[in-house]
Amino acid sequence: MTEFERREIAEPKEEVAVLKKDVEVLEELIDLEEQAKEGKQPKKAKRYRLRIDKEKKVVELQEMTGTQILGLVDKTPDKYLLSMKVPGEGFQPVSPEQTVVFHVHRVERFQTLALDPSEG
């Protein structure tokens, strides 16, 4: 085997080794409420289980806007306010355009509140 052939084989192996270090291993499913109750910071995952009021929804996104989260329970920002419960900090409002990043924000669950008391 020539020196050139050895280099051609060695270089791709080195590239693969570098790429393997860059690959991020994602959890399959993280239940945000369980993580929060256990006092853990959520990691990046392929899917997240969210609790919105009494409903649990599984999403395949790592972040969503307030409008998107409301949409999971067939609600809209013109009729409902959305808030997220953060352990140790209580409920915090989530605006329609605000993005909640599930592995960054320590969300335990979401809660909706009808703007019109006769709704919901």
PDB file of N, CA and C in Angstrom:
ATOM      1  N   MET A   1       0.848  -1.169   0.000  1.00  0.00           N
ATOM      2  CA  MET A   1       0.000   0.000   0.000  1.00  0.00           C
ATOM      3  C   MET A   1       0.896   1.236   0.000  1.00  0.00           C
ATOM      4  N   THR A   2       0.593   2.153  -0.862  1.00  0.00           N
ATOM      5  CA  THR A   2       1.407   3.365  -0.963  1.00  0.00           C
ATOM      6  C   THR A   2       1.058   4.333   0.161  1.00  0.00           C
ATOM      7  N   GLU A   3       1.942   5.297   0.356  1.00  0.00           N
ATOM      8  CA  GLU A   3       1.712   6.345   1.361  1.00  0.00           C
ATOM      9  C   GLU A   3       0.427   7.103   1.039  1.00  0.00           C
ATOM     10  N   PHE A   4       0.179   7.383  -0.222  1.00  0.00           N
ATOM     11  CA  PHE A   4      -1.031   8.096  -0.655  1.00  0.00           C
ATOM     12  C   PHE A   4      -2.283   7.306  -0.276  1.00  0.00           C
ATOM     13  N   GLU A   5      -2.282   5.998  -0.511  1.00  0.00           N
ATOM     14  CA  GLU A   5      -3.442   5.156  -0.187  1.00  0.00           C
ATOM     15  C   GLU A   5      -3.676   5.117   1.329  1.00  0.00           C
ATOM     16  N   ARG A   6      -2.586   5.076   2.100  1.00  0.00           N
ATOM     17  CA  ARG A   6      -2.726   5.070   3.563  1.00  0.00           C
ATOM     18  C   ARG A   6      -3.363   6.378   4.042  1.00  0.00           C
ATOM     19  N   ARG A   7      -2.958   7.499   3.444  1.00  0.00           N
ATOM     20  CA  ARG A   7      -3.536   8.794   3.819  1.00  0.00           C
ATOM     21  C   ARG A   7      -5.018   8.857   3.443  1.00  0.00           C
ATOM     22  N   GLU A   8      -5.364   8.320   2.291  1.00  0.00           N
ATOM     23  CA  GLU A   8      -6.762   8.334   1.854  1.00  0.00           C
ATOM     24  C   GLU A   8      -7.653   7.555   2.819  1.00  0.00           C
ATOM     25  N   ILE A   9      -7.133   6.510   3.401  1.00  0.00           N
ATOM     26  CA  ILE A   9      -7.902   5.707   4.362  1.00  0.00           C
ATOM     27  C   ILE A   9      -7.907   6.393   5.726  1.00  0.00           C
ATOM     28  N   ALA A  10      -6.781   6.911   6.155  1.00  0.00           N
ATOM     29  CA  ALA A  10      -6.663   7.505   7.487  1.00  0.00           C
ATOM     30  C   ALA A  10      -7.486   8.781   7.616  1.00  0.00           C
ATOM     31  N   GLU A  11      -7.489   9.629   6.608  1.00  0.00           N
ATOM     32  CA  GLU A  11      -8.195  10.907   6.708  1.00  0.00           C
ATOM     33  C   GLU A  11      -9.700  10.736   6.926  1.00  0.00           C
ATOM     34  N   PRO A  12     -10.396   9.886   6.176  1.00  0.00           N
ATOM     35  CA  PRO A  12     -11.831   9.710   6.459  1.00  0.00           C
ATOM     36  C   PRO A  12     -12.091   9.157   7.859  1.00  0.00           C
ATOM     37  N   LYS A  13     -11.212   8.270   8.358  1.00  0.00           N
ATOM     38  CA  LYS A  13     -11.387   7.733   9.703  1.00  0.00           C
ATOM     39  C   LYS A  13     -11.306   8.852  10.735  1.00  0.00           C
ATOM     40  N   GLU A  14     -10.366   9.780  10.537  1.00  0.00           N
ATOM     41  CA  GLU A  14     -10.232  10.908  11.453  1.00  0.00           C
ATOM     42  C   GLU A  14     -11.462  11.801  11.377  1.00  0.00           C
ATOM     43  N   GLU A  15     -11.965  12.016  10.170  1.00  0.00           N
ATOM     44  CA  GLU A  15     -13.164  12.842  10.005  1.00  0.00           C
ATOM     45  C   GLU A  15     -14.360  12.208  10.702  1.00  0.00           C
ATOM     46  N   VAL A  16     -14.507  10.900  10.586  1.00  0.00           N
ATOM     47  CA  VAL A  16     -15.609  10.196  11.246  1.00  0.00           C
ATOM     48  C   VAL A  16     -15.482  10.346  12.753  1.00  0.00           C
ATOM     49  N   ALA A  17     -14.278  10.227  13.293  1.00  0.00           N
ATOM     50  CA  ALA A  17     -14.064  10.369  14.735  1.00  0.00           C
ATOM     51  C   ALA A  17     -14.472  11.761  15.196  1.00  0.00           C
ATOM     52  N   VAL A  18     -14.134  12.785  14.442  1.00  0.00           N
ATOM     53  CA  VAL A  18     -14.499  14.159  14.784  1.00  0.00           C
ATOM     54  C   VAL A  18     -16.022  14.320  14.717  1.00  0.00           C
ATOM     55  N   LEU A  19     -16.651  13.795  13.681  1.00  0.00           N
ATOM     56  CA  LEU A  19     -18.098  13.898  13.528  1.00  0.00           C
ATOM     57  C   LEU A  19     -18.829  13.181  14.656  1.00  0.00           C
ATOM     58  N   LYS A  20     -18.334  12.042  15.095  1.00  0.00           N
ATOM     59  CA  LYS A  20     -18.977  11.303  16.181  1.00  0.00           C
ATOM     60  C   LYS A  20     -18.998  12.127  17.458  1.00  0.00           C
ATOM     61  N   LYS A  21     -17.943  12.920  17.700  1.00  0.00           N
ATOM     62  CA  LYS A  21     -17.908  13.764  18.892  1.00  0.00           C
ATOM     63  C   LYS A  21     -18.973  14.852  18.805  1.00  0.00           C
ATOM     64  N   ASP A  22     -19.279  15.321  17.588  1.00  0.00           N
ATOM     65  CA  ASP A  22     -20.250  16.388  17.395  1.00  0.00           C
ATOM     66  C   ASP A  22     -21.695  15.906  17.432  1.00  0.00           C
ATOM     67  N   VAL A  23     -21.909  14.617  17.313  1.00  0.00           N
ATOM     68  CA  VAL A  23     -23.266  14.080  17.328  1.00  0.00           C
ATOM     69  C   VAL A  23     -23.816  14.176  18.742  1.00  0.00           C
ATOM     70  N   GLU A  24     -24.998  14.748  18.848  1.00  0.00           N
ATOM     71  CA  GLU A  24     -25.629  14.913  20.146  1.00  0.00           C
ATOM     72  C   GLU A  24     -26.619  13.775  20.358  1.00  0.00           C
ATOM     73  N   VAL A  25     -26.512  13.105  21.460  1.00  0.00           N
ATOM     74  CA  VAL A  25     -27.422  12.011  21.760  1.00  0.00           C
ATOM     75  C   VAL A  25     -28.653  12.608  22.442  1.00  0.00           C
ATOM     76  N   LEU A  26     -29.811  12.428  21.812  1.00  0.00           N
ATOM     77  CA  LEU A  26     -31.041  12.989  22.339  1.00  0.00           C
ATOM     78  C   LEU A  26     -31.841  11.924  23.079  1.00  0.00           C
ATOM     79  N   GLU A  27     -32.458  12.338  24.160  1.00  0.00           N
ATOM     80  CA  GLU A  27     -33.380  11.452  24.871  1.00  0.00           C
ATOM     81  C   GLU A  27     -34.569  11.199  23.950  1.00  0.00           C
ATOM     82  N   GLU A  28     -35.202  10.044  24.066  1.00  0.00           N
ATOM     83  CA  GLU A  28     -36.372   9.736  23.243  1.00  0.00           C
ATOM     84  C   GLU A  28     -37.562  10.596  23.628  1.00  0.00           C
ATOM     85  N   LEU A  29     -37.924  10.589  24.920  1.00  0.00           N
ATOM     86  CA  LEU A  29     -39.095  11.315  25.407  1.00  0.00           C
ATOM     87  C   LEU A  29     -38.818  11.824  26.804  1.00  0.00           C
ATOM     88  N   ILE A  30     -39.090  13.095  27.027  1.00  0.00           N
ATOM     89  CA  ILE A  30     -38.948  13.673  28.360  1.00  0.00           C
ATOM     90  C   ILE A  30     -40.300  14.243  28.769  1.00  0.00           C
ATOM     91  N   ASP A  31     -40.753  13.838  29.962  1.00  0.00           N
ATOM     92  CA  ASP A  31     -41.969  14.383  30.549  1.00  0.00           C
ATOM     93  C   ASP A  31     -41.536  15.583  31.382  1.00  0.00           C
ATOM     94  N   LEU A  32     -41.898  16.782  30.939  1.00  0.00           N
ATOM     95  CA  LEU A  32     -41.434  17.993  31.613  1.00  0.00           C
ATOM     96  C   LEU A  32     -41.912  18.072  33.059  1.00  0.00           C
ATOM     97  N   GLU A  33     -43.137  17.643  33.308  1.00  0.00           N
ATOM     98  CA  GLU A  33     -43.667  17.696  34.671  1.00  0.00           C
ATOM     99  C   GLU A  33     -42.873  16.777  35.598  1.00  0.00           C
ATOM    100  N   GLU A  34     -42.588  15.557  35.151  1.00  0.00           N
ATOM    101  CA  GLU A  34     -41.793  14.624  35.960  1.00  0.00           C
ATOM    102  C   GLU A  34     -40.399  15.178  36.237  1.00  0.00           C
ATOM    103  N   GLN A  35     -39.761  15.720  35.205  1.00  0.00           N
ATOM    104  CA  GLN A  35     -38.410  16.289  35.364  1.00  0.00           C
ATOM    105  C   GLN A  35     -38.413  17.396  36.401  1.00  0.00           C
ATOM    106  N   ALA A  36     -39.424  18.283  36.313  1.00  0.00           N
ATOM    107  CA  ALA A  36     -39.497  19.413  37.242  1.00  0.00           C
ATOM    108  C   ALA A  36     -39.721  18.934  38.671  1.00  0.00           C
ATOM    109  N   LYS A  37     -40.604  17.961  38.846  1.00  0.00           N
ATOM    110  CA  LYS A  37     -40.891  17.455  40.195  1.00  0.00           C
ATOM    111  C   LYS A  37     -39.679  16.750  40.803  1.00  0.00           C
ATOM    112  N   GLU A  38     -38.821  16.191  39.953  1.00  0.00           N
ATOM    113  CA  GLU A  38     -37.601  15.538  40.422  1.00  0.00           C
ATOM    114  C   GLU A  38     -36.455  16.537  40.588  1.00  0.00           C
ATOM    115  N   GLY A  39     -36.718  17.802  40.252  1.00  0.00           N
ATOM    116  CA  GLY A  39     -35.701  18.841  40.387  1.00  0.00           C
ATOM    117  C   GLY A  39     -34.616  18.780  39.329  1.00  0.00           C
ATOM    118  N   LYS A  40     -34.906  18.129  38.207  1.00  0.00           N
ATOM    119  CA  LYS A  40     -33.919  17.986  37.137  1.00  0.00           C
ATOM    120  C   LYS A  40     -34.120  19.042  36.058  1.00  0.00           C
ATOM    121  N   GLN A  41     -33.019  19.460  35.478  1.00  0.00           N
ATOM    122  CA  GLN A  41     -33.061  20.342  34.307  1.00  0.00           C
ATOM    123  C   GLN A  41     -33.297  19.452  33.093  1.00  0.00           C
ATOM    124  N   PRO A  42     -34.352  19.696  32.298  1.00  0.00           N
ATOM    125  CA  PRO A  42     -34.587  18.846  31.125  1.00  0.00           C
ATOM    126  C   PRO A  42     -33.435  18.929  30.132  1.00  0.00           C
ATOM    127  N   LYS A  43     -33.221  17.836  29.426  1.00  0.00           N
ATOM    128  CA  LYS A  43     -32.201  17.783  28.384  1.00  0.00           C
ATOM    129  C   LYS A  43     -32.885  17.920  27.035  1.00  0.00           C
ATOM    130  N   LYS A  44     -32.088  18.002  25.995  1.00  0.00           N
ATOM    131  CA  LYS A  44     -32.654  17.982  24.649  1.00  0.00           C
ATOM    132  C   LYS A  44     -33.229  16.594  24.401  1.00  0.00           C
ATOM    133  N   ALA A  45     -34.370  16.565  23.737  1.00  0.00           N
ATOM    134  CA  ALA A  45     -35.023  15.283  23.478  1.00  0.00           C
ATOM    135  C   ALA A  45     -35.680  15.314  22.108  1.00  0.00           C
ATOM    136  N   LYS A  46     -35.995  14.131  21.608  1.00  0.00           N
ATOM    137  CA  LYS A  46     -36.708  14.031  20.341  1.00  0.00           C
ATOM    138  C   LYS A  46     -38.163  14.441  20.530  1.00  0.00           C
ATOM    139  N   ARG A  47     -38.707  14.087  21.713  1.00  0.00           N
ATOM    140  CA  ARG A  47     -40.099  14.413  21.996  1.00  0.00           C
ATOM    141  C   ARG A  47     -40.229  14.858  23.453  1.00  0.00           C
ATOM    142  N   TYR A  48     -41.218  15.725  23.702  1.00  0.00           N
ATOM    143  CA  TYR A  48     -41.506  16.190  25.055  1.00  0.00           C
ATOM    144  C   TYR A  48     -42.976  15.963  25.360  1.00  0.00           C
ATOM    145  N   ARG A  49     -43.255  15.563  26.602  1.00  0.00           N
ATOM    146  CA  ARG A  49     -44.636  15.461  27.059  1.00  0.00           C
ATOM    147  C   ARG A  49     -44.917  16.706  27.891  1.00  0.00           C
ATOM    148  N   LEU A  50     -45.919  17.472  27.467  1.00  0.00           N
ATOM    149  CA  LEU A  50     -46.310  18.705  28.139  1.00  0.00           C
ATOM    150  C   LEU A  50     -47.657  18.492  28.813  1.00  0.00           C
ATOM    151  N   ARG A  51     -47.866  19.141  29.922  1.00  0.00           N
ATOM    152  CA  ARG A  51     -49.198  19.162  30.528  1.00  0.00           C
ATOM    153  C   ARG A  51     -49.743  20.572  30.369  1.00  0.00           C
ATOM    154  N   ILE A  52     -50.897  20.658  29.740  1.00  0.00           N
ATOM    155  CA  ILE A  52     -51.574  21.936  29.543  1.00  0.00           C
ATOM    156  C   ILE A  52     -52.933  21.774  30.210  1.00  0.00           C
ATOM    157  N   ASP A  53     -53.158  22.506  31.290  1.00  0.00           N
ATOM    158  CA  ASP A  53     -54.318  22.304  32.153  1.00  0.00           C
ATOM    159  C   ASP A  53     -54.308  20.846  32.601  1.00  0.00           C
ATOM    160  N   LYS A  54     -55.308  20.053  32.247  1.00  0.00           N
ATOM    161  CA  LYS A  54     -55.322  18.644  32.676  1.00  0.00           C
ATOM    162  C   LYS A  54     -54.952  17.695  31.548  1.00  0.00           C
ATOM    163  N   GLU A  55     -54.664  18.244  30.373  1.00  0.00           N
ATOM    164  CA  GLU A  55     -54.334  17.409  29.212  1.00  0.00           C
ATOM    165  C   GLU A  55     -52.827  17.251  29.066  1.00  0.00           C
ATOM    166  N   LYS A  56     -52.416  16.050  28.660  1.00  0.00           N
ATOM    167  CA  LYS A  56     -51.003  15.801  28.355  1.00  0.00           C
ATOM    168  C   LYS A  56     -50.870  15.644  26.846  1.00  0.00           C
ATOM    169  N   LYS A  57     -49.890  16.325  26.286  1.00  0.00           N
ATOM    170  CA  LYS A  57     -49.633  16.283  24.851  1.00  0.00           C
ATOM    171  C   LYS A  57     -48.170  15.970  24.622  1.00  0.00           C
ATOM    172  N   VAL A  58     -47.892  15.170  23.594  1.00  0.00           N
ATOM    173  CA  VAL A  58     -46.510  14.866  23.221  1.00  0.00           C
ATOM    174  C   VAL A  58     -46.201  15.620  21.936  1.00  0.00           C
ATOM    175  N   VAL A  59     -45.097  16.362  21.945  1.00  0.00           N
ATOM    176  CA  VAL A  59     -44.684  17.130  20.775  1.00  0.00           C
ATOM    177  C   VAL A  59     -43.302  16.693  20.329  1.00  0.00           C
ATOM    178  N   GLU A  60     -43.041  16.826  19.045  1.00  0.00           N
ATOM    179  CA  GLU A  60     -41.729  16.469  18.486  1.00  0.00           C
ATOM    180  C   GLU A  60     -40.929  17.718  18.151  1.00  0.00           C
ATOM    181  N   LEU A  61     -41.071  18.731  18.988  1.00  0.00           N
ATOM    182  CA  LEU A  61     -40.350  19.998  18.827  1.00  0.00           C
ATOM    183  C   LEU A  61     -39.606  20.297  20.116  1.00  0.00           C
ATOM    184  N   GLN A  62     -38.509  21.041  19.998  1.00  0.00           N
ATOM    185  CA  GLN A  62     -37.754  21.416  21.189  1.00  0.00           C
ATOM    186  C   GLN A  62     -38.155  22.789  21.702  1.00  0.00           C
ATOM    187  N   GLU A  63     -38.945  23.493  20.904  1.00  0.00           N
ATOM    188  CA  GLU A  63     -39.430  24.804  21.329  1.00  0.00           C
ATOM    189  C   GLU A  63     -40.737  25.115  20.614  1.00  0.00           C
ATOM    190  N   MET A  64     -41.572  25.913  21.270  1.00  0.00           N
ATOM    191  CA  MET A  64     -42.855  26.310  20.695  1.00  0.00           C
ATOM    192  C   MET A  64     -43.212  27.702  21.189  1.00  0.00           C
ATOM    193  N   THR A  65     -44.026  28.399  20.406  1.00  0.00           N
ATOM    194  CA  THR A  65     -44.512  29.718  20.831  1.00  0.00           C
ATOM    195  C   THR A  65     -45.751  29.522  21.705  1.00  0.00           C
ATOM    196  N   GLY A  66     -46.134  30.581  22.407  1.00  0.00           N
ATOM    197  CA  GLY A  66     -47.343  30.538  23.210  1.00  0.00           C
ATOM    198  C   GLY A  66     -48.555  30.170  22.368  1.00  0.00           C
ATOM    199  N   THR A  67     -48.652  30.732  21.167  1.00  0.00           N
ATOM    200  CA  THR A  67     -49.774  30.432  20.268  1.00  0.00           C
ATOM    201  C   THR A  67     -49.801  28.956  19.901  1.00  0.00           C
ATOM    202  N   GLN A  68     -48.644  28.385  19.602  1.00  0.00           N
ATOM    203  CA  GLN A  68     -48.574  26.964  19.244  1.00  0.00           C
ATOM    204  C   GLN A  68     -48.982  26.070  20.420  1.00  0.00           C
ATOM    205  N   ILE A  69     -48.555  26.437  21.619  1.00  0.00           N
ATOM    206  CA  ILE A  69     -48.895  25.646  22.806  1.00  0.00           C
ATOM    207  C   ILE A  69     -50.405  25.699  23.042  1.00  0.00           C
ATOM    208  N   LEU A  70     -50.997  26.879  22.941  1.00  0.00           N
ATOM    209  CA  LEU A  70     -52.455  27.000  23.077  1.00  0.00           C
ATOM    210  C   LEU A  70     -53.165  26.155  22.017  1.00  0.00           C
ATOM    211  N   GLY A  71     -52.638  26.137  20.810  1.00  0.00           N
ATOM    212  CA  GLY A  71     -53.230  25.378  19.716  1.00  0.00           C
ATOM    213  C   GLY A  71     -53.304  23.885  19.996  1.00  0.00           C
ATOM    214  N   LEU A  72     -52.387  23.379  20.833  1.00  0.00           N
ATOM    215  CA  LEU A  72     -52.398  21.956  21.173  1.00  0.00           C
ATOM    216  C   LEU A  72     -53.691  21.553  21.893  1.00  0.00           C
ATOM    217  N   VAL A  73     -54.308  22.518  22.572  1.00  0.00           N
ATOM    218  CA  VAL A  73     -55.557  22.242  23.296  1.00  0.00           C
ATOM    219  C   VAL A  73     -56.718  23.034  22.682  1.00  0.00           C
ATOM    220  N   ASP A  74     -56.573  23.327  21.390  1.00  0.00           N
ATOM    221  CA  ASP A  74     -57.624  24.003  20.616  1.00  0.00           C
ATOM    222  C   ASP A  74     -58.061  25.334  21.223  1.00  0.00           C
ATOM    223  N   LYS A  75     -57.084  26.113  21.656  1.00  0.00           N
ATOM    224  CA  LYS A  75     -57.361  27.443  22.206  1.00  0.00           C
ATOM    225  C   LYS A  75     -56.527  28.467  21.449  1.00  0.00           C
ATOM    226  N   THR A  76     -56.987  29.715  21.468  1.00  0.00           N
ATOM    227  CA  THR A  76     -56.292  30.787  20.755  1.00  0.00           C
ATOM    228  C   THR A  76     -55.981  31.945  21.707  1.00  0.00           C
ATOM    229  N   PRO A  77     -54.925  32.721  21.400  1.00  0.00           N
ATOM    230  CA  PRO A  77     -54.522  33.803  22.292  1.00  0.00           C
ATOM    231  C   PRO A  77     -55.543  34.945  22.374  1.00  0.00           C
ATOM    232  N   ASP A  78     -56.473  35.022  21.411  1.00  0.00           N
ATOM    233  CA  ASP A  78     -57.481  36.079  21.502  1.00  0.00           C
ATOM    234  C   ASP A  78     -58.546  35.759  22.553  1.00  0.00           C
ATOM    235  N   LYS A  79     -58.600  34.493  22.994  1.00  0.00           N
ATOM    236  CA  LYS A  79     -59.599  34.096  23.995  1.00  0.00           C
ATOM    237  C   LYS A  79     -58.985  33.575  25.297  1.00  0.00           C
ATOM    238  N   TYR A  80     -57.679  33.224  25.264  1.00  0.00           N
ATOM    239  CA  TYR A  80     -57.045  32.628  26.445  1.00  0.00           C
ATOM    240  C   TYR A  80     -55.662  33.203  26.709  1.00  0.00           C
ATOM    241  N   LEU A  81     -55.342  33.317  27.987  1.00  0.00           N
ATOM    242  CA  LEU A  81     -53.988  33.645  28.422  1.00  0.00           C
ATOM    243  C   LEU A  81     -53.287  32.332  28.738  1.00  0.00           C
ATOM    244  N   LEU A  82     -51.999  32.282  28.457  1.00  0.00           N
ATOM    245  CA  LEU A  82     -51.199  31.096  28.750  1.00  0.00           C
ATOM    246  C   LEU A  82     -50.148  31.471  29.786  1.00  0.00           C
ATOM    247  N   SER A  83     -49.957  30.583  30.753  1.00  0.00           N
ATOM    248  CA  SER A  83     -48.865  30.778  31.707  1.00  0.00           C
ATOM    249  C   SER A  83     -48.161  29.442  31.909  1.00  0.00           C
ATOM    250  N   MET A  84     -46.908  29.525  32.348  1.00  0.00           N
ATOM    251  CA  MET A  84     -46.138  28.314  32.606  1.00  0.00           C
ATOM    252  C   MET A  84     -45.709  28.315  34.062  1.00  0.00           C
ATOM    253  N   LYS A  85     -45.786  27.137  34.671  1.00  0.00           N
ATOM    254  CA  LYS A  85     -45.354  27.000  36.056  1.00  0.00           C
ATOM    255  C   LYS A  85     -43.886  26.597  36.064  1.00  0.00           C
ATOM    256  N   VAL A  86     -43.099  27.424  36.730  1.00  0.00           N
ATOM    257  CA  VAL A  86     -41.664  27.168  36.861  1.00  0.00           C
ATOM    258  C   VAL A  86     -41.401  26.845  38.334  1.00  0.00           C
ATOM    259  N   PRO A  87     -40.803  25.700  38.630  1.00  0.00           N
ATOM    260  CA  PRO A  87     -40.558  25.320  40.028  1.00  0.00           C
ATOM    261  C   PRO A  87     -39.827  26.423  40.798  1.00  0.00           C
ATOM    262  N   GLY A  88     -40.367  26.750  41.959  1.00  0.00           N
ATOM    263  CA  GLY A  88     -39.755  27.763  42.815  1.00  0.00           C
ATOM    264  C   GLY A  88     -40.067  29.192  42.411  1.00  0.00           C
ATOM    265  N   GLU A  89     -40.697  29.380  41.258  1.00  0.00           N
ATOM    266  CA  GLU A  89     -40.991  30.734  40.784  1.00  0.00           C
ATOM    267  C   GLU A  89     -42.479  30.956  40.525  1.00  0.00           C
ATOM    268  N   GLY A  90     -43.269  29.890  40.605  1.00  0.00           N
ATOM    269  CA  GLY A  90     -44.703  30.025  40.383  1.00  0.00           C
ATOM    270  C   GLY A  90     -45.044  30.146  38.905  1.00  0.00           C
ATOM    271  N   PHE A  91     -46.230  30.717  38.636  1.00  0.00           N
ATOM    272  CA  PHE A  91     -46.693  30.856  37.260  1.00  0.00           C
ATOM    273  C   PHE A  91     -46.176  32.153  36.643  1.00  0.00           C
ATOM    274  N   GLN A  92     -45.730  32.038  35.393  1.00  0.00           N
ATOM    275  CA  GLN A  92     -45.248  33.190  34.640  1.00  0.00           C
ATOM    276  C   GLN A  92     -46.021  33.267  33.331  1.00  0.00           C
ATOM    277  N   PRO A  93     -46.438  34.473  32.932  1.00  0.00           N
ATOM    278  CA  PRO A  93     -47.188  34.587  31.679  1.00  0.00           C
ATOM    279  C   PRO A  93     -46.329  34.230  30.473  1.00  0.00           C
ATOM    280  N   VAL A  94     -46.976  33.666  29.447  1.00  0.00           N
ATOM    281  CA  VAL A  94     -46.317  33.344  28.183  1.00  0.00           C
ATOM    282  C   VAL A  94     -47.090  34.096  27.108  1.00  0.00           C
ATOM    283  N   SER A  95     -46.440  35.056  26.462  1.00  0.00           N
ATOM    284  CA  SER A  95     -47.119  35.819  25.416  1.00  0.00           C
ATOM    285  C   SER A  95     -47.267  34.955  24.160  1.00  0.00           C
ATOM    286  N   PRO A  96     -48.214  35.302  23.285  1.00  0.00           N
ATOM    287  CA  PRO A  96     -48.445  34.486  22.081  1.00  0.00           C
ATOM    288  C   PRO A  96     -47.197  34.291  21.228  1.00  0.00           C
ATOM    289  N   GLU A  97     -46.355  35.324  21.114  1.00  0.00           N
ATOM    290  CA  GLU A  97     -45.171  35.220  20.259  1.00  0.00           C
ATOM    291  C   GLU A  97     -43.923  34.754  21.001  1.00  0.00           C
ATOM    292  N   GLN A  98     -44.011  34.616  22.322  1.00  0.00           N
ATOM    293  CA  GLN A  98     -42.864  34.155  23.123  1.00  0.00           C
ATOM    294  C   GLN A  98     -42.553  32.695  22.820  1.00  0.00           C
ATOM    295  N   THR A  99     -41.271  32.404  22.660  1.00  0.00           N
ATOM    296  CA  THR A  99     -40.841  31.032  22.409  1.00  0.00           C
ATOM    297  C   THR A  99     -40.386  30.396  23.714  1.00  0.00           C
ATOM    298  N   VAL A 100     -40.942  29.230  24.009  1.00  0.00           N
ATOM    299  CA  VAL A 100     -40.541  28.459  25.179  1.00  0.00           C
ATOM    300  C   VAL A 100     -39.657  27.322  24.675  1.00  0.00           C
ATOM    301  N   VAL A 101     -38.406  27.308  25.147  1.00  0.00           N
ATOM    302  CA  VAL A 101     -37.451  26.265  24.761  1.00  0.00           C
ATOM    303  C   VAL A 101     -37.466  25.232  25.883  1.00  0.00           C
ATOM    304  N   PHE A 102     -37.964  24.038  25.580  1.00  0.00           N
ATOM    305  CA  PHE A 102     -38.240  23.048  26.606  1.00  0.00           C
ATOM    306  C   PHE A 102     -37.009  22.583  27.371  1.00  0.00           C
ATOM    307  N   HIS A 103     -35.836  22.528  26.745  1.00  0.00           N
ATOM    308  CA  HIS A 103     -34.641  22.067  27.461  1.00  0.00           C
ATOM    309  C   HIS A 103     -33.906  23.220  28.147  1.00  0.00           C
ATOM    310  N   VAL A 104     -34.408  24.440  27.985  1.00  0.00           N
ATOM    311  CA  VAL A 104     -33.780  25.597  28.639  1.00  0.00           C
ATOM    312  C   VAL A 104     -34.661  26.108  29.777  1.00  0.00           C
ATOM    313  N   HIS A 105     -35.937  26.369  29.466  1.00  0.00           N
ATOM    314  CA  HIS A 105     -36.871  26.843  30.486  1.00  0.00           C
ATOM    315  C   HIS A 105     -37.295  25.650  31.335  1.00  0.00           C
ATOM    316  N   ARG A 106     -37.287  25.818  32.623  1.00  0.00           N
ATOM    317  CA  ARG A 106     -37.637  24.720  33.523  1.00  0.00           C
ATOM    318  C   ARG A 106     -39.145  24.703  33.749  1.00  0.00           C
ATOM    319  N   VAL A 107     -39.884  24.340  32.729  1.00  0.00           N
ATOM    320  CA  VAL A 107     -41.344  24.353  32.784  1.00  0.00           C
ATOM    321  C   VAL A 107     -41.851  23.071  33.426  1.00  0.00           C
ATOM    322  N   GLU A 108     -42.732  23.225  34.406  1.00  0.00           N
ATOM    323  CA  GLU A 108     -43.383  22.045  34.992  1.00  0.00           C
ATOM    324  C   GLU A 108     -44.665  21.740  34.213  1.00  0.00           C
ATOM    325  N   ARG A 109     -45.461  22.782  33.968  1.00  0.00           N
ATOM    326  CA  ARG A 109     -46.703  22.609  33.211  1.00  0.00           C
ATOM    327  C   ARG A 109     -47.204  23.957  32.734  1.00  0.00           C
ATOM    328  N   PHE A 110     -48.236  23.914  31.910  1.00  0.00           N
ATOM    329  CA  PHE A 110     -48.856  25.124  31.385  1.00  0.00           C
ATOM    330  C   PHE A 110     -50.286  25.216  31.885  1.00  0.00           C
ATOM    331  N   GLN A 111     -50.765  26.453  31.970  1.00  0.00           N
ATOM    332  CA  GLN A 111     -52.131  26.684  32.425  1.00  0.00           C
ATOM    333  C   GLN A 111     -52.757  27.747  31.522  1.00  0.00           C
ATOM    334  N   THR A 112     -54.029  27.553  31.198  1.00  0.00           N
ATOM    335  CA  THR A 112     -54.734  28.551  30.412  1.00  0.00           C
ATOM    336  C   THR A 112     -55.801  29.226  31.268  1.00  0.00           C
ATOM    337  N   LEU A 113     -56.110  30.447  30.913  1.00  0.00           N
ATOM    338  CA  LEU A 113     -57.137  31.213  31.614  1.00  0.00           C
ATOM    339  C   LEU A 113     -57.950  31.957  30.578  1.00  0.00           C
ATOM    340  N   ALA A 114     -59.267  31.727  30.598  1.00  0.00           N
ATOM    341  CA  ALA A 114     -60.152  32.395  29.634  1.00  0.00           C
ATOM    342  C   ALA A 114     -60.177  33.891  29.903  1.00  0.00           C
ATOM    343  N   LEU A 115     -60.061  34.684  28.834  1.00  0.00           N
ATOM    344  CA  LEU A 115     -60.139  36.134  28.952  1.00  0.00           C
ATOM    345  C   LEU A 115     -61.575  36.546  29.269  1.00  0.00           C
ATOM    346  N   ASP A 116     -62.541  35.838  28.725  1.00  0.00           N
ATOM    347  CA  ASP A 116     -63.960  36.080  28.985  1.00  0.00           C
ATOM    348  C   ASP A 116     -64.388  35.043  30.023  1.00  0.00           C
ATOM    349  N   PRO A 117     -64.803  35.472  31.221  1.00  0.00           N
ATOM    350  CA  PRO A 117     -65.153  34.512  32.271  1.00  0.00           C
ATOM    351  C   PRO A 117     -66.216  33.489  31.875  1.00  0.00           C
ATOM    352  N   SER A 118     -66.994  33.766  30.836  1.00  0.00           N
ATOM    353  CA  SER A 118     -68.019  32.815  30.418  1.00  0.00           C
ATOM    354  C   SER A 118     -67.465  31.722  29.514  1.00  0.00           C
ATOM    355  N   GLU A 119     -66.193  31.873  29.033  1.00  0.00           N
ATOM    356  CA  GLU A 119     -65.532  30.850  28.199  1.00  0.00           C
ATOM    357  C   GLU A 119     -65.036  29.726  29.083  1.00  0.00           C
ATOM    358  N   GLY A 120     -64.917  28.520  28.474  1.00  0.00           N
ATOM    359  CA  GLY A 120     -64.282  27.373  29.109  1.00  0.00           C
ATOM    360  C   GLY A 120     -64.850  27.040  30.415  1.00  0.00           C
TER     361      GLY A 120
END
